Amino acid sequence: MAFEDMDSNLNLDELPPPEESSNRPFFIVAALLGAIMLIALVCIAVYALYVRPQQRSVDATQVAQVNIQNTEVAESIIQTSIAEAFTSTPTVTETPLPATITPTNTPVVLIPSATLDPGGVAQATQDPRTATVAALLTQAAQVQQTIVPSATTTALPTAGFVDEVGVPGLLGLAVLFLIVIFFARRFRTMGQ
């Protein structure tokens, strides 16, 4: 078809107006994304203002309970070790003198608490009760220095994004994004 073959008296007013492209699918997708954003912001606000403070108070309570339990265990270990190390010392009982022996007036000689050993060095004599108390205090100090594990852990550590948010939440978000992708493609093909 050549340029000369065209009808020259074609009136431009008789032509139909060009089709306007419809932005309706775009506005629907934009509204859906805006709604998702608003719902996400509301969920974040609920989490920050309601859920997280409760979790912190529960965590603080659990830490306090573990500390109380550890203190009780340490005290019971100390008391048990003291009780195991206890040796009964005989007490001095007053025995009556036999009737055949008559009391005499004997002068009392005070002996100093230190005696001389064969080398001429003074040694302190120890009371058996003082030695027992010293041994008990030494054992209590050793028990306090010994690190005792409070309990064996059987749970896995809770660190990371999946542990905080949860697998069901992640799966729900994945399904939601797949639905958004599906509808976005559907609306895009309808607009063409």
Foldseek 3Di string as FASTA:
>chain_A
DDPVPDDPPDDPVPDDDDDDFDCVLVVVLVVVVVVVVVVVVVVVVCCVPPVVVVVVVVVVVVVVVLVVLVVVVLVVVLVVQLVVLDDDDDDDDDDDDDPVDDDDDDDDDDDDQWDQDPVRDTDGDDDVVVVSVVVSVVSSVVSVPDDDDSDDDDDDDQDDDCSVQHDVVVVVVVVVVVVSVVSSVVSVVVSD
